[in-house]
C-alpha atoms as a PDB file:
ATOM      1  CA  ARG A   1      19.399 -70.761  19.175  1.00  0.00           C
ATOM      2  CA  VAL A   2      19.376 -67.624  21.255  1.00  0.00           C
ATOM      3  CA  PRO A   3      21.478 -67.159  24.413  1.00  0.00           C
ATOM      4  CA  CYS A   4      19.210 -67.083  27.420  1.00  0.00           C
ATOM      5  CA  GLY A   5      19.230 -64.063  29.702  1.00  0.00           C
ATOM      6  CA  GLY A   6      17.013 -65.635  32.330  1.00  0.00           C
ATOM      7  CA  GLY A   7      17.528 -68.270  34.995  1.00  0.00           C
ATOM      8  CA  CYS A   8      19.037 -70.926  32.708  1.00  0.00           C
ATOM      9  CA  ARG A   9      22.535 -72.195  33.332  1.00  0.00           C
ATOM     10  CA  PRO A  10      25.326 -70.024  31.866  1.00  0.00           C
ATOM     11  CA  GLY A  11      26.163 -70.696  28.182  1.00  0.00           C
ATOM     12  CA  ALA A  12      22.834 -72.488  27.539  1.00  0.00           C
ATOM     13  CA  SER A  13      20.292 -71.521  24.886  1.00  0.00           C
ATOM     14  CA  CYS A  14      16.650 -70.915  25.520  1.00  0.00           C
ATOM     15  CA  ALA A  15      14.259 -72.728  23.176  1.00  0.00           C
ATOM     16  CA  ALA A  16      11.446 -70.214  23.813  1.00  0.00           C
ATOM     17  CA  GLY A  17      13.603 -67.314  22.669  1.00  0.00           C
ATOM     18  CA  ALA A  18      14.705 -69.206  19.562  1.00  0.00           C
ATOM     19  CA  GLY A  19      11.072 -69.808  18.627  1.00  0.00           C
ATOM     20  CA  LEU A  20      10.283 -66.110  18.902  1.00  0.00           C
ATOM     21  CA  VAL A  21      13.323 -65.070  16.853  1.00  0.00           C
ATOM     22  CA  GLY A  22      12.458 -67.665  14.212  1.00  0.00           C
ATOM     23  CA  TRP A  23       8.893 -66.386  14.006  1.00  0.00           C
ATOM     24  CA  VAL A  24      10.081 -62.770  13.605  1.00  0.00           C
ATOM     25  CA  ALA A  25      12.550 -63.817  10.887  1.00  0.00           C
ATOM     26  CA  ARG A  26       9.830 -65.700   8.982  1.00  0.00           C
ATOM     27  CA  ALA A  27       7.416 -62.801   9.355  1.00  0.00           C
ATOM     28  CA  ARG A  28      10.026 -60.330   8.068  1.00  0.00           C
ATOM     29  CA  ALA A  29      10.779 -62.512   5.057  1.00  0.00           C
ATOM     30  CA  GLY A  30       7.072 -62.893   4.296  1.00  0.00           C
ATOM     31  CA  LEU A  31       6.467 -59.169   4.647  1.00  0.00           C
ATOM     32  CA  GLY A  32       9.456 -58.504   2.424  1.00  0.00           C
ATOM     33  CA  ALA A  33       8.116 -60.799  -0.299  1.00  0.00           C
ATOM     34  CA  CYS A  34       4.640 -59.276  -0.047  1.00  0.00           C
ATOM     35  CA  GLY A  35       6.035 -55.746   0.009  1.00  0.00           C
ATOM     36  CA  GLY A  36       8.299 -56.410  -2.957  1.00  0.00           C
ATOM     37  CA  SER A  37       5.449 -57.916  -4.957  1.00  0.00           C
ATOM     38  CA  LEU A  38       3.195 -54.997  -4.068  1.00  0.00           C
ATOM     39  CA  LEU A  39       5.905 -52.544  -5.127  1.00  0.00           C
ATOM     40  CA  VAL A  40       6.271 -54.266  -8.515  1.00  0.00           C
ATOM     41  CA  VAL A  41       2.493 -54.255  -9.043  1.00  0.00           C
ATOM     42  CA  VAL A  42       2.115 -50.587  -8.026  1.00  0.00           C
ATOM     43  CA  CYS A  43       5.021 -49.493 -10.227  1.00  0.00           C
ATOM     44  CA  GLY A  44       3.660 -51.470 -13.156  1.00  0.00           C
ATOM     45  CA  MET A  45       0.141 -50.062 -12.801  1.00  0.00           C
ATOM     46  CA  ARG A  46       0.944 -46.516 -11.677  1.00  0.00           C
ATOM     47  CA  TRP A  47      -0.636 -44.987 -14.772  1.00  0.00           C
ATOM     48  CA  ARG A  48      -3.884 -46.794 -13.944  1.00  0.00           C
ATOM     49  CA  LEU A  49      -3.748 -46.014 -10.233  1.00  0.00           C
ATOM     50  CA  PHE A  50      -3.113 -42.293 -10.413  1.00  0.00           C
ATOM     51  CA  GLY A  51      -4.479 -41.326 -13.818  1.00  0.00           C
ATOM     52  CA  ARG A  52      -7.772 -41.635 -15.621  1.00  0.00           C
ATOM     53  CA  MET A  53      -8.843 -45.087 -16.729  1.00  0.00           C
ATOM     54  CA  PRO A  54      -8.587 -45.270 -20.519  1.00  0.00           C
ATOM     55  CA  ALA A  55     -11.801 -46.059 -22.360  1.00  0.00           C
ATOM     56  CA  LEU A  56     -10.963 -49.280 -24.127  1.00  0.00           C
ATOM     57  CA  GLY A  57     -12.391 -52.757 -24.484  1.00  0.00           C
ATOM     58  CA  GLU A  58     -14.859 -53.736 -21.782  1.00  0.00           C
ATOM     59  CA  CYS A  59     -13.676 -51.010 -19.389  1.00  0.00           C
ATOM     60  CA  MET A  60     -15.638 -48.123 -20.841  1.00  0.00           C
ATOM     61  CA  PRO A  61     -16.682 -45.237 -18.583  1.00  0.00           C
ATOM     62  CA  SER A  62     -19.871 -46.061 -16.689  1.00  0.00           C
ATOM     63  CA  PRO A  63     -22.966 -43.890 -16.596  1.00  0.00           C
ATOM     64  CA  SER A  64     -24.558 -42.670 -13.376  1.00  0.00           C
ATOM     65  CA  VAL A  65     -26.022 -44.988 -10.731  1.00  0.00           C
ATOM     66  CA  GLY A  66     -29.600 -44.209 -11.758  1.00  0.00           C
ATOM     67  CA  THR A  67     -28.867 -44.908 -15.418  1.00  0.00           C
ATOM     68  CA  LEU A  68     -27.244 -48.240 -14.550  1.00  0.00           C
ATOM     69  CA  PHE A  69     -30.272 -49.388 -12.527  1.00  0.00           C
ATOM     70  CA  ARG A  70     -32.687 -48.065 -15.162  1.00  0.00           C
ATOM     71  CA  GLN A  71     -30.877 -49.959 -17.944  1.00  0.00           C
ATOM     72  CA  PHE A  72     -30.741 -53.102 -15.825  1.00  0.00           C
ATOM     73  CA  CYS A  73     -34.500 -53.042 -15.195  1.00  0.00           C
ATOM     74  CA  ALA A  74     -35.505 -52.005 -18.727  1.00  0.00           C
ATOM     75  CA  GLY A  75     -36.603 -54.544 -21.308  1.00  0.00           C
ATOM     76  CA  TRP A  76     -34.842 -52.795 -24.188  1.00  0.00           C
ATOM     77  CA  ARG A  77     -31.086 -52.371 -24.625  1.00  0.00           C
ATOM     78  CA  PHE A  78     -29.864 -49.233 -26.319  1.00  0.00           C
ATOM     79  CA  SER A  79     -26.407 -50.509 -27.311  1.00  0.00           C
ATOM     80  CA  GLY A  80     -25.766 -51.021 -31.006  1.00  0.00           C
ATOM     81  CA  LEU A  81     -29.078 -51.119 -32.864  1.00  0.00           C
ATOM     82  CA  GLY A  82     -30.973 -52.044 -29.700  1.00  0.00           C
ATOM     83  CA  SER A  83     -32.333 -55.418 -28.715  1.00  0.00           C
ATOM     84  CA  GLU A  84     -34.984 -57.020 -26.561  1.00  0.00           C
ATOM     85  CA  SER A  85     -32.456 -58.979 -24.548  1.00  0.00           C
ATOM     86  CA  PRO A  86     -32.052 -58.362 -20.834  1.00  0.00           C
ATOM     87  CA  ALA A  87     -29.190 -56.234 -19.587  1.00  0.00           C
ATOM     88  CA  PRO A  88     -26.173 -58.031 -18.146  1.00  0.00           C
ATOM     89  CA  PRO A  89     -25.993 -58.413 -14.356  1.00  0.00           C
ATOM     90  CA  SER A  90     -22.858 -56.268 -14.338  1.00  0.00           C
ATOM     91  CA  PHE A  91     -25.133 -53.220 -14.643  1.00  0.00           C
ATOM     92  CA  ALA A  92     -26.702 -54.059 -11.286  1.00  0.00           C
ATOM     93  CA  PHE A  93     -23.319 -54.846  -9.690  1.00  0.00           C
ATOM     94  CA  MET A  94     -21.853 -51.545 -10.911  1.00  0.00           C
ATOM     95  CA  GLY A  95     -24.968 -49.729  -9.709  1.00  0.00           C
ATOM     96  CA  ILE A  96     -24.596 -51.263  -6.248  1.00  0.00           C
ATOM     97  CA  ALA A  97     -20.850 -50.488  -6.186  1.00  0.00           C
ATOM     98  CA  GLY A  98     -21.569 -46.910  -7.275  1.00  0.00           C
ATOM     99  CA  THR A  99     -24.172 -46.578  -4.531  1.00  0.00           C
ATOM    100  CA  VAL A 100     -21.682 -47.852  -1.933  1.00  0.00           C
ATOM    101  CA  MET A 101     -19.140 -45.294  -3.214  1.00  0.00           C
ATOM    102  CA  LEU A 102     -21.770 -42.540  -2.824  1.00  0.00           C
ATOM    103  CA  GLY A 103     -22.411 -42.124  -6.538  1.00  0.00           C
ATOM    104  CA  ALA A 104     -18.802 -42.230  -7.709  1.00  0.00           C
ATOM    105  CA  VAL A 105     -19.268 -44.930 -10.337  1.00  0.00           C
ATOM    106  CA  GLY A 106     -15.909 -44.165 -11.966  1.00  0.00           C
ATOM    107  CA  ALA A 107     -14.101 -44.651  -8.646  1.00  0.00           C
ATOM    108  CA  ALA A 108     -16.045 -47.862  -8.017  1.00  0.00           C
ATOM    109  CA  GLN A 109     -15.089 -49.125 -11.474  1.00  0.00           C
ATOM    110  CA  LYS A 110     -11.414 -48.322 -10.832  1.00  0.00           C
ATOM    111  CA  VAL A 111     -11.508 -50.101  -7.447  1.00  0.00           C
ATOM    112  CA  LEU A 112     -13.162 -53.167  -9.004  1.00  0.00           C
ATOM    113  CA  ILE A 113     -10.766 -53.313 -11.940  1.00  0.00           C
ATOM    114  CA  LEU A 114      -7.579 -52.707  -9.985  1.00  0.00           C
ATOM    115  CA  GLY A 115      -8.717 -54.770  -6.989  1.00  0.00           C
ATOM    116  CA  MET A 116      -8.655 -57.967  -9.043  1.00  0.00           C
ATOM    117  CA  VAL A 117      -4.837 -58.150  -9.079  1.00  0.00           C
ATOM    118  CA  PRO A 118      -4.302 -57.915  -5.285  1.00  0.00           C
ATOM    119  CA  LEU A 119      -7.218 -60.306  -4.741  1.00  0.00           C
ATOM    120  CA  GLY A 120      -5.551 -62.883  -6.993  1.00  0.00           C
ATOM    121  CA  LEU A 121      -2.162 -62.370  -5.361  1.00  0.00           C
ATOM    122  CA  PHE A 122      -3.622 -62.795  -1.877  1.00  0.00           C
ATOM    123  CA  GLY A 123      -5.427 -65.958  -2.975  1.00  0.00           C
ATOM    124  CA  ALA A 124      -2.236 -67.367  -4.476  1.00  0.00           C
ATOM    125  CA  TYR A 125      -0.328 -66.623  -1.272  1.00  0.00           C
ATOM    126  CA  ARG A 126      -2.955 -68.386   0.831  1.00  0.00           C
ATOM    127  CA  LEU A 127      -3.108 -71.356  -1.526  1.00  0.00           C
ATOM    128  CA  ALA A 128       0.666 -71.801  -1.601  1.00  0.00           C
ATOM    129  CA  ARG A 129       0.954 -71.283   2.155  1.00  0.00           C
ATOM    130  CA  SER A 130      -1.352 -74.244   2.749  1.00  0.00           C
ATOM    131  CA  VAL A 131       1.481 -76.552   1.667  1.00  0.00           C
ATOM    132  CA  ALA A 132       3.758 -77.811   4.456  1.00  0.00           C
ATOM    133  CA  VAL A 133       6.866 -76.115   2.991  1.00  0.00           C
ATOM    134  CA  ALA A 134       8.194 -73.098   4.898  1.00  0.00           C
ATOM    135  CA  ARG A 135       8.715 -70.711   1.958  1.00  0.00           C
ATOM    136  CA  ALA A 136       5.856 -71.926  -0.232  1.00  0.00           C
ATOM    137  CA  GLY A 137       3.669 -68.878   0.398  1.00  0.00           C
ATOM    138  CA  ARG A 138       6.341 -66.406  -0.689  1.00  0.00           C
ATOM    139  CA  VAL A 139       7.364 -68.456  -3.704  1.00  0.00           C
ATOM    140  CA  GLY A 140       3.733 -68.900  -4.755  1.00  0.00           C
ATOM    141  CA  LEU A 141       3.072 -65.175  -4.385  1.00  0.00           C
ATOM    142  CA  ILE A 142       6.081 -64.198  -6.471  1.00  0.00           C
ATOM    143  CA  ALA A 143       5.386 -66.859  -9.104  1.00  0.00           C
ATOM    144  CA  TYR A 144       1.756 -65.756  -9.433  1.00  0.00           C
ATOM    145  CA  ALA A 145       2.744 -62.078  -9.578  1.00  0.00           C
ATOM    146  CA  VAL A 146       4.831 -62.630 -12.724  1.00  0.00           C
ATOM    147  CA  VAL A 147       1.981 -64.296 -14.634  1.00  0.00           C
ATOM    148  CA  PRO A 148       1.229 -61.836 -17.472  1.00  0.00           C
ATOM    149  CA  LEU A 149      -2.529 -62.493 -17.655  1.00  0.00           C
ATOM    150  CA  PRO A 150      -3.812 -59.549 -15.568  1.00  0.00           C
ATOM    151  CA  TYR A 151      -1.409 -57.076 -17.106  1.00  0.00           C
ATOM    152  CA  ALA A 152      -2.393 -58.093 -20.639  1.00  0.00           C
ATOM    153  CA  ALA A 153      -6.066 -57.938 -19.634  1.00  0.00           C
ATOM    154  CA  LEU A 154      -5.557 -54.426 -18.247  1.00  0.00           C
ATOM    155  CA  ALA A 155      -3.773 -53.343 -21.421  1.00  0.00           C
ATOM    156  CA  ARG A 156      -6.633 -54.636 -23.581  1.00  0.00           C
ATOM    157  CA  GLY A 157      -9.427 -53.559 -21.258  1.00  0.00           C
ATOM    158  CA  ARG A 158     -10.756 -57.088 -20.670  1.00  0.00           C
ATOM    159  CA  TRP A 159     -12.726 -58.074 -17.570  1.00  0.00           C
ATOM    160  CA  ASP A 160     -12.606 -61.811 -18.213  1.00  0.00           C
ATOM    161  CA  GLY A 161      -8.828 -62.078 -17.798  1.00  0.00           C
ATOM    162  CA  LEU A 162      -8.896 -60.010 -14.615  1.00  0.00           C
ATOM    163  CA  ILE A 163     -11.711 -62.057 -13.101  1.00  0.00           C
ATOM    164  CA  ALA A 164     -10.014 -65.337 -14.048  1.00  0.00           C
ATOM    165  CA  TYR A 165      -6.753 -64.159 -12.449  1.00  0.00           C
ATOM    166  CA  ALA A 166      -8.516 -63.088  -9.252  1.00  0.00           C
ATOM    167  CA  ILE A 167     -10.687 -66.176  -8.864  1.00  0.00           C
ATOM    168  CA  ALA A 168      -8.346 -69.000  -9.965  1.00  0.00           C
ATOM    169  CA  PRO A 169      -6.393 -69.393  -6.678  1.00  0.00           C
ATOM    170  CA  TRP A 170      -9.598 -69.371  -4.645  1.00  0.00           C
ATOM    171  CA  LEU A 171     -11.147 -72.047  -6.880  1.00  0.00           C
ATOM    172  CA  PHE A 172      -8.007 -74.192  -6.663  1.00  0.00           C
ATOM    173  CA  ALA A 173      -8.048 -73.852  -2.869  1.00  0.00           C
ATOM    174  CA  GLN A 174     -11.682 -75.027  -2.778  1.00  0.00           C
ATOM    175  CA  MET A 175     -10.862 -77.954  -5.078  1.00  0.00           C
ATOM    176  CA  ARG A 176      -7.921 -78.888  -2.859  1.00  0.00           C
ATOM    177  CA  ARG A 177     -10.093 -78.793   0.259  1.00  0.00           C
ATOM    178  CA  GLY A 178     -12.691 -80.930  -1.483  1.00  0.00           C
ATOM    179  CA  ALA A 179     -10.096 -83.450  -2.613  1.00  0.00           C
ATOM    180  CA  GLU A 180      -8.663 -83.691   0.896  1.00  0.00           C
ATOM    181  CA  GLY A 181     -12.134 -84.099   2.366  1.00  0.00           C
ATOM    182  CA  VAL A 182     -11.820 -81.110   4.708  1.00  0.00           C
END
């Protein structure tokens, strides 16, 4: 409890001040956990953040926006020996992302790839925070940050691991809301 500086009797504590100090302390601890997790992620992925994305696995360099849309709309695929199968929807998504980034498809690809980790961490924090335990959000964030799935997926150039890591907390939150009937 915080000593009151207002019109309370001398030596008393003010409940309103204690609530404010408690909120600031919780906010500082939460920001510290988020900041520490972000620091670990940035240090671990600094070569991907500030350097060129290596061409490996499913994370190959993308062609221009026009080429992506043209390949998406074409009936013939030119990969391998060619095929009559339709192009994957990721061509259209990358074309749209490249258009939003004013033609910088490589920058859009880097934002999409590296944005999966913070998206998953934020989802895990929100999911864990929905529990009625005071420190659950911070513990959930830190526990989810040490899961090696996204880092292994980045090292191998795999989209599926990154997407699974980013989407899993959001799916679990929806399942929890459905189970609770909210």
